[in-house]
Amino acid sequence: MVILYLYYYTFLSLIFNFLEMLNISNTLVLYVAEKEWVVFRIVFCSTYVISLLAVFYDLFIDFREN
């Protein structure tokens, strides 16, 4: 799952670099891409935080049982 996020992250970065290279600004494509980027960051960060919490919770349960 993390590998898919990294591939998606790299793909979006390449698209943004290409658009910047072409000097395209204030277009619908760039607007949609920026919104997509924000949604991706929110999803990625929330998934990362939830997975960290799950790992700590699992470690806490294991520690309490022993």
PDB file of N, CA and C in Angstrom:
ATOM      1  N   MET A   1       0.833  -1.206   0.000  1.00  0.00           N
ATOM      2  CA  MET A   1       0.000   0.000   0.000  1.00  0.00           C
ATOM      3  C   MET A   1       0.867   1.255   0.000  1.00  0.00           C
ATOM      4  N   VAL A   2       1.904   1.246   0.817  1.00  0.00           N
ATOM      5  CA  VAL A   2       2.802   2.400   0.883  1.00  0.00           C
ATOM      6  C   VAL A   2       3.505   2.594  -0.456  1.00  0.00           C
ATOM      7  N   ILE A   3       3.840   1.490  -1.115  1.00  0.00           N
ATOM      8  CA  ILE A   3       4.502   1.588  -2.419  1.00  0.00           C
ATOM      9  C   ILE A   3       3.579   2.256  -3.431  1.00  0.00           C
ATOM     10  N   LEU A   4       2.291   1.923  -3.368  1.00  0.00           N
ATOM     11  CA  LEU A   4       1.337   2.575  -4.271  1.00  0.00           C
ATOM     12  C   LEU A   4       1.269   4.073  -4.001  1.00  0.00           C
ATOM     13  N   TYR A   5       1.271   4.467  -2.732  1.00  0.00           N
ATOM     14  CA  TYR A   5       1.282   5.885  -2.397  1.00  0.00           C
ATOM     15  C   TYR A   5       2.513   6.575  -2.960  1.00  0.00           C
ATOM     16  N   LEU A   6       3.674   5.921  -2.828  1.00  0.00           N
ATOM     17  CA  LEU A   6       4.911   6.525  -3.320  1.00  0.00           C
ATOM     18  C   LEU A   6       4.900   6.660  -4.834  1.00  0.00           C
ATOM     19  N   TYR A   7       4.367   5.638  -5.527  1.00  0.00           N
ATOM     20  CA  TYR A   7       4.264   5.740  -6.984  1.00  0.00           C
ATOM     21  C   TYR A   7       3.342   6.886  -7.378  1.00  0.00           C
ATOM     22  N   TYR A   8       2.206   7.003  -6.680  1.00  0.00           N
ATOM     23  CA  TYR A   8       1.249   8.061  -6.978  1.00  0.00           C
ATOM     24  C   TYR A   8       1.860   9.431  -6.703  1.00  0.00           C
ATOM     25  N   TYR A   9       2.571   9.539  -5.597  1.00  0.00           N
ATOM     26  CA  TYR A   9       3.255  10.771  -5.217  1.00  0.00           C
ATOM     27  C   TYR A   9       4.262  11.181  -6.295  1.00  0.00           C
ATOM     28  N   THR A  10       5.061  10.225  -6.759  1.00  0.00           N
ATOM     29  CA  THR A  10       6.054  10.499  -7.793  1.00  0.00           C
ATOM     30  C   THR A  10       5.388  10.894  -9.099  1.00  0.00           C
ATOM     31  N   PHE A  11       4.300  10.214  -9.440  1.00  0.00           N
ATOM     32  CA  PHE A  11       3.583  10.515 -10.675  1.00  0.00           C
ATOM     33  C   PHE A  11       3.033  11.939 -10.656  1.00  0.00           C
ATOM     34  N   LEU A  12       2.418  12.336  -9.535  1.00  0.00           N
ATOM     35  CA  LEU A  12       1.896  13.695  -9.429  1.00  0.00           C
ATOM     36  C   LEU A  12       3.019  14.722  -9.469  1.00  0.00           C
ATOM     37  N   SER A  13       4.146  14.424  -8.848  1.00  0.00           N
ATOM     38  CA  SER A  13       5.279  15.343  -8.879  1.00  0.00           C
ATOM     39  C   SER A  13       5.782  15.546 -10.304  1.00  0.00           C
ATOM     40  N   LEU A  14       5.850  14.457 -11.073  1.00  0.00           N
ATOM     41  CA  LEU A  14       6.282  14.577 -12.464  1.00  0.00           C
ATOM     42  C   LEU A  14       5.311  15.420 -13.283  1.00  0.00           C
ATOM     43  N   ILE A  15       4.020  15.239 -13.047  1.00  0.00           N
ATOM     44  CA  ILE A  15       3.023  16.042 -13.766  1.00  0.00           C
ATOM     45  C   ILE A  15       3.193  17.523 -13.431  1.00  0.00           C
ATOM     46  N   PHE A  16       3.366  17.845 -12.144  1.00  0.00           N
ATOM     47  CA  PHE A  16       3.527  19.239 -11.758  1.00  0.00           C
ATOM     48  C   PHE A  16       4.789  19.841 -12.351  1.00  0.00           C
ATOM     49  N   ASN A  17       5.877  19.079 -12.343  1.00  0.00           N
ATOM     50  CA  ASN A  17       7.121  19.594 -12.926  1.00  0.00           C
ATOM     51  C   ASN A  17       6.965  19.838 -14.421  1.00  0.00           C
ATOM     52  N   PHE A  18       6.256  18.952 -15.099  1.00  0.00           N
ATOM     53  CA  PHE A  18       6.035  19.119 -16.539  1.00  0.00           C
ATOM     54  C   PHE A  18       5.193  20.366 -16.815  1.00  0.00           C
ATOM     55  N   LEU A  19       4.147  20.572 -16.007  1.00  0.00           N
ATOM     56  CA  LEU A  19       3.296  21.753 -16.202  1.00  0.00           C
ATOM     57  C   LEU A  19       4.067  23.040 -15.918  1.00  0.00           C
ATOM     58  N   GLU A  20       4.915  23.014 -14.903  1.00  0.00           N
ATOM     59  CA  GLU A  20       5.728  24.193 -14.610  1.00  0.00           C
ATOM     60  C   GLU A  20       6.726  24.472 -15.727  1.00  0.00           C
ATOM     61  N   MET A  21       7.256  23.411 -16.303  1.00  0.00           N
ATOM     62  CA  MET A  21       8.212  23.568 -17.391  1.00  0.00           C
ATOM     63  C   MET A  21       7.542  24.221 -18.611  1.00  0.00           C
ATOM     64  N   LEU A  22       6.270  23.872 -18.841  1.00  0.00           N
ATOM     65  CA  LEU A  22       5.534  24.446 -19.965  1.00  0.00           C
ATOM     66  C   LEU A  22       4.990  25.840 -19.650  1.00  0.00           C
ATOM     67  N   ASN A  23       5.149  26.276 -18.406  1.00  0.00           N
ATOM     68  CA  ASN A  23       4.642  27.577 -17.959  1.00  0.00           C
ATOM     69  C   ASN A  23       3.125  27.686 -18.080  1.00  0.00           C
ATOM     70  N   ILE A  24       2.451  26.614 -17.791  1.00  0.00           N
ATOM     71  CA  ILE A  24       0.987  26.639 -17.816  1.00  0.00           C
ATOM     72  C   ILE A  24       0.508  27.043 -16.423  1.00  0.00           C
ATOM     73  N   SER A  25      -0.248  28.095 -16.364  1.00  0.00           N
ATOM     74  CA  SER A  25      -0.773  28.508 -15.067  1.00  0.00           C
ATOM     75  C   SER A  25      -2.195  29.027 -15.243  1.00  0.00           C
ATOM     76  N   ASN A  26      -2.961  28.976 -14.146  1.00  0.00           N
ATOM     77  CA  ASN A  26      -4.348  29.443 -14.117  1.00  0.00           C
ATOM     78  C   ASN A  26      -5.213  28.736 -15.154  1.00  0.00           C
ATOM     79  N   THR A  27      -4.988  27.453 -15.314  1.00  0.00           N
ATOM     80  CA  THR A  27      -5.835  26.681 -16.215  1.00  0.00           C
ATOM     81  C   THR A  27      -6.630  25.679 -15.395  1.00  0.00           C
ATOM     82  N   LEU A  28      -7.626  25.116 -16.023  1.00  0.00           N
ATOM     83  CA  LEU A  28      -8.471  24.133 -15.330  1.00  0.00           C
ATOM     84  C   LEU A  28      -7.672  22.887 -14.965  1.00  0.00           C
ATOM     85  N   VAL A  29      -6.737  22.510 -15.835  1.00  0.00           N
ATOM     86  CA  VAL A  29      -5.927  21.315 -15.571  1.00  0.00           C
ATOM     87  C   VAL A  29      -5.107  21.492 -14.302  1.00  0.00           C
ATOM     88  N   LEU A  30      -4.461  22.641 -14.169  1.00  0.00           N
ATOM     89  CA  LEU A  30      -3.642  22.897 -12.997  1.00  0.00           C
ATOM     90  C   LEU A  30      -4.504  22.989 -11.735  1.00  0.00           C
ATOM     91  N   TYR A  31      -5.690  23.607 -11.865  1.00  0.00           N
ATOM     92  CA  TYR A  31      -6.595  23.719 -10.722  1.00  0.00           C
ATOM     93  C   TYR A  31      -7.015  22.341 -10.224  1.00  0.00           C
ATOM     94  N   VAL A  32      -7.403  21.474 -11.159  1.00  0.00           N
ATOM     95  CA  VAL A  32      -7.817  20.120 -10.782  1.00  0.00           C
ATOM     96  C   VAL A  32      -6.646  19.352 -10.178  1.00  0.00           C
ATOM     97  N   ALA A  33      -5.457  19.524 -10.764  1.00  0.00           N
ATOM     98  CA  ALA A  33      -4.279  18.825 -10.248  1.00  0.00           C
ATOM     99  C   ALA A  33      -3.950  19.283  -8.829  1.00  0.00           C
ATOM    100  N   GLU A  34      -4.089  20.587  -8.557  1.00  0.00           N
ATOM    101  CA  GLU A  34      -3.820  21.075  -7.201  1.00  0.00           C
ATOM    102  C   GLU A  34      -4.822  20.509  -6.207  1.00  0.00           C
ATOM    103  N   LYS A  35      -6.084  20.453  -6.596  1.00  0.00           N
ATOM    104  CA  LYS A  35      -7.094  19.889  -5.699  1.00  0.00           C
ATOM    105  C   LYS A  35      -6.811  18.407  -5.453  1.00  0.00           C
ATOM    106  N   GLU A  36      -6.419  17.708  -6.510  1.00  0.00           N
ATOM    107  CA  GLU A  36      -6.073  16.293  -6.367  1.00  0.00           C
ATOM    108  C   GLU A  36      -4.899  16.127  -5.408  1.00  0.00           C
ATOM    109  N   TRP A  37      -3.918  17.008  -5.508  1.00  0.00           N
ATOM    110  CA  TRP A  37      -2.721  16.962  -4.663  1.00  0.00           C
ATOM    111  C   TRP A  37      -3.094  17.156  -3.197  1.00  0.00           C
ATOM    112  N   VAL A  38      -3.988  18.093  -2.925  1.00  0.00           N
ATOM    113  CA  VAL A  38      -4.413  18.348  -1.545  1.00  0.00           C
ATOM    114  C   VAL A  38      -5.147  17.132  -0.983  1.00  0.00           C
ATOM    115  N   VAL A  39      -6.046  16.564  -1.769  1.00  0.00           N
ATOM    116  CA  VAL A  39      -6.782  15.381  -1.323  1.00  0.00           C
ATOM    117  C   VAL A  39      -5.817  14.225  -1.070  1.00  0.00           C
ATOM    118  N   PHE A  40      -4.840  14.061  -1.965  1.00  0.00           N
ATOM    119  CA  PHE A  40      -3.861  12.984  -1.797  1.00  0.00           C
ATOM    120  C   PHE A  40      -3.076  13.160  -0.503  1.00  0.00           C
ATOM    121  N   ARG A  41      -2.653  14.399  -0.218  1.00  0.00           N
ATOM    122  CA  ARG A  41      -1.871  14.622   1.008  1.00  0.00           C
ATOM    123  C   ARG A  41      -2.705  14.349   2.246  1.00  0.00           C
ATOM    124  N   ILE A  42      -3.971  14.759   2.223  1.00  0.00           N
ATOM    125  CA  ILE A  42      -4.845  14.507   3.380  1.00  0.00           C
ATOM    126  C   ILE A  42      -5.017  13.004   3.591  1.00  0.00           C
ATOM    127  N   VAL A  43      -5.283  12.275   2.514  1.00  0.00           N
ATOM    128  CA  VAL A  43      -5.483  10.819   2.620  1.00  0.00           C
ATOM    129  C   VAL A  43      -4.205  10.138   3.079  1.00  0.00           C
ATOM    130  N   PHE A  44      -3.074  10.539   2.507  1.00  0.00           N
ATOM    131  CA  PHE A  44      -1.792   9.911   2.856  1.00  0.00           C
ATOM    132  C   PHE A  44      -1.459  10.158   4.322  1.00  0.00           C
ATOM    133  N   CYS A  45      -1.594  11.412   4.781  1.00  0.00           N
ATOM    134  CA  CYS A  45      -1.257  11.735   6.176  1.00  0.00           C
ATOM    135  C   CYS A  45      -2.189  11.025   7.145  1.00  0.00           C
ATOM    136  N   SER A  46      -3.484  11.002   6.844  1.00  0.00           N
ATOM    137  CA  SER A  46      -4.417  10.350   7.766  1.00  0.00           C
ATOM    138  C   SER A  46      -4.169   8.846   7.815  1.00  0.00           C
ATOM    139  N   THR A  47      -3.866   8.234   6.665  1.00  0.00           N
ATOM    140  CA  THR A  47      -3.557   6.802   6.654  1.00  0.00           C
ATOM    141  C   THR A  47      -2.292   6.514   7.446  1.00  0.00           C
ATOM    142  N   TYR A  48      -1.295   7.382   7.297  1.00  0.00           N
ATOM    143  CA  TYR A  48      -0.030   7.214   8.012  1.00  0.00           C
ATOM    144  C   TYR A  48      -0.248   7.308   9.523  1.00  0.00           C
ATOM    145  N   VAL A  49      -1.012   8.296   9.953  1.00  0.00           N
ATOM    146  CA  VAL A  49      -1.270   8.482  11.388  1.00  0.00           C
ATOM    147  C   VAL A  49      -2.062   7.303  11.944  1.00  0.00           C
ATOM    148  N   ILE A  50      -3.073   6.859  11.199  1.00  0.00           N
ATOM    149  CA  ILE A  50      -3.883   5.726  11.671  1.00  0.00           C
ATOM    150  C   ILE A  50      -3.038   4.461  11.785  1.00  0.00           C
ATOM    151  N   SER A  51      -2.147   4.241  10.810  1.00  0.00           N
ATOM    152  CA  SER A  51      -1.303   3.043  10.885  1.00  0.00           C
ATOM    153  C   SER A  51      -0.329   3.133  12.057  1.00  0.00           C
ATOM    154  N   LEU A  52       0.210   4.324  12.335  1.00  0.00           N
ATOM    155  CA  LEU A  52       1.086   4.476  13.499  1.00  0.00           C
ATOM    156  C   LEU A  52       0.332   4.200  14.798  1.00  0.00           C
ATOM    157  N   LEU A  53      -0.874   4.724  14.903  1.00  0.00           N
ATOM    158  CA  LEU A  53      -1.682   4.472  16.098  1.00  0.00           C
ATOM    159  C   LEU A  53      -1.976   2.988  16.262  1.00  0.00           C
ATOM    160  N   ALA A  54      -2.265   2.306  15.148  1.00  0.00           N
ATOM    161  CA  ALA A  54      -2.545   0.867  15.221  1.00  0.00           C
ATOM    162  C   ALA A  54      -1.315   0.097  15.692  1.00  0.00           C
ATOM    163  N   VAL A  55      -0.147   0.481  15.212  1.00  0.00           N
ATOM    164  CA  VAL A  55       1.086  -0.210  15.638  1.00  0.00           C
ATOM    165  C   VAL A  55       1.335   0.013  17.123  1.00  0.00           C
ATOM    166  N   PHE A  56       1.203   1.249  17.586  1.00  0.00           N
ATOM    167  CA  PHE A  56       1.424   1.520  19.013  1.00  0.00           C
ATOM    168  C   PHE A  56       0.392   0.810  19.888  1.00  0.00           C
ATOM    169  N   TYR A  57      -0.855   0.768  19.424  1.00  0.00           N
ATOM    170  CA  TYR A  57      -1.890   0.075  20.175  1.00  0.00           C
ATOM    171  C   TYR A  57      -1.578  -1.413  20.264  1.00  0.00           C
ATOM    172  N   ASP A  58      -1.135  -1.989  19.146  1.00  0.00           N
ATOM    173  CA  ASP A  58      -0.785  -3.414  19.130  1.00  0.00           C
ATOM    174  C   ASP A  58       0.381  -3.689  20.073  1.00  0.00           C
ATOM    175  N   LEU A  59       1.386  -2.830  20.072  1.00  0.00           N
ATOM    176  CA  LEU A  59       2.515  -2.997  20.977  1.00  0.00           C
ATOM    177  C   LEU A  59       2.071  -2.866  22.438  1.00  0.00           C
ATOM    178  N   PHE A  60       1.152  -1.924  22.708  1.00  0.00           N
ATOM    179  CA  PHE A  60       0.652  -1.723  24.064  1.00  0.00           C
ATOM    180  C   PHE A  60      -0.097  -2.957  24.556  1.00  0.00           C
ATOM    181  N   ILE A  61      -0.934  -3.540  23.683  1.00  0.00           N
ATOM    182  CA  ILE A  61      -1.692  -4.742  24.058  1.00  0.00           C
ATOM    183  C   ILE A  61      -0.737  -5.906  24.332  1.00  0.00           C
ATOM    184  N   ASP A  62       0.266  -6.070  23.448  1.00  0.00           N
ATOM    185  CA  ASP A  62       1.245  -7.147  23.667  1.00  0.00           C
ATOM    186  C   ASP A  62       2.010  -6.945  24.965  1.00  0.00           C
ATOM    187  N   PHE A  63       2.366  -5.712  25.269  1.00  0.00           N
ATOM    188  CA  PHE A  63       3.120  -5.407  26.489  1.00  0.00           C
ATOM    189  C   PHE A  63       2.265  -5.687  27.724  1.00  0.00           C
ATOM    190  N   ARG A  64       0.976  -5.350  27.653  1.00  0.00           N
ATOM    191  CA  ARG A  64       0.086  -5.555  28.780  1.00  0.00           C
ATOM    192  C   ARG A  64      -0.176  -7.033  29.036  1.00  0.00           C
ATOM    193  N   GLU A  65      -0.240  -7.846  27.974  1.00  0.00           N
ATOM    194  CA  GLU A  65      -0.515  -9.274  28.145  1.00  0.00           C
ATOM    195  C   GLU A  65       0.665 -10.001  28.766  1.00  0.00           C
ATOM    196  N   ASN A  66       1.872  -9.520  28.517  1.00  0.00           N
ATOM    197  CA  ASN A  66       3.064 -10.205  29.049  1.00  0.00           C
ATOM    198  C   ASN A  66       3.437  -9.666  30.361  1.00  0.00           C
TER     199      ASN A  66
END
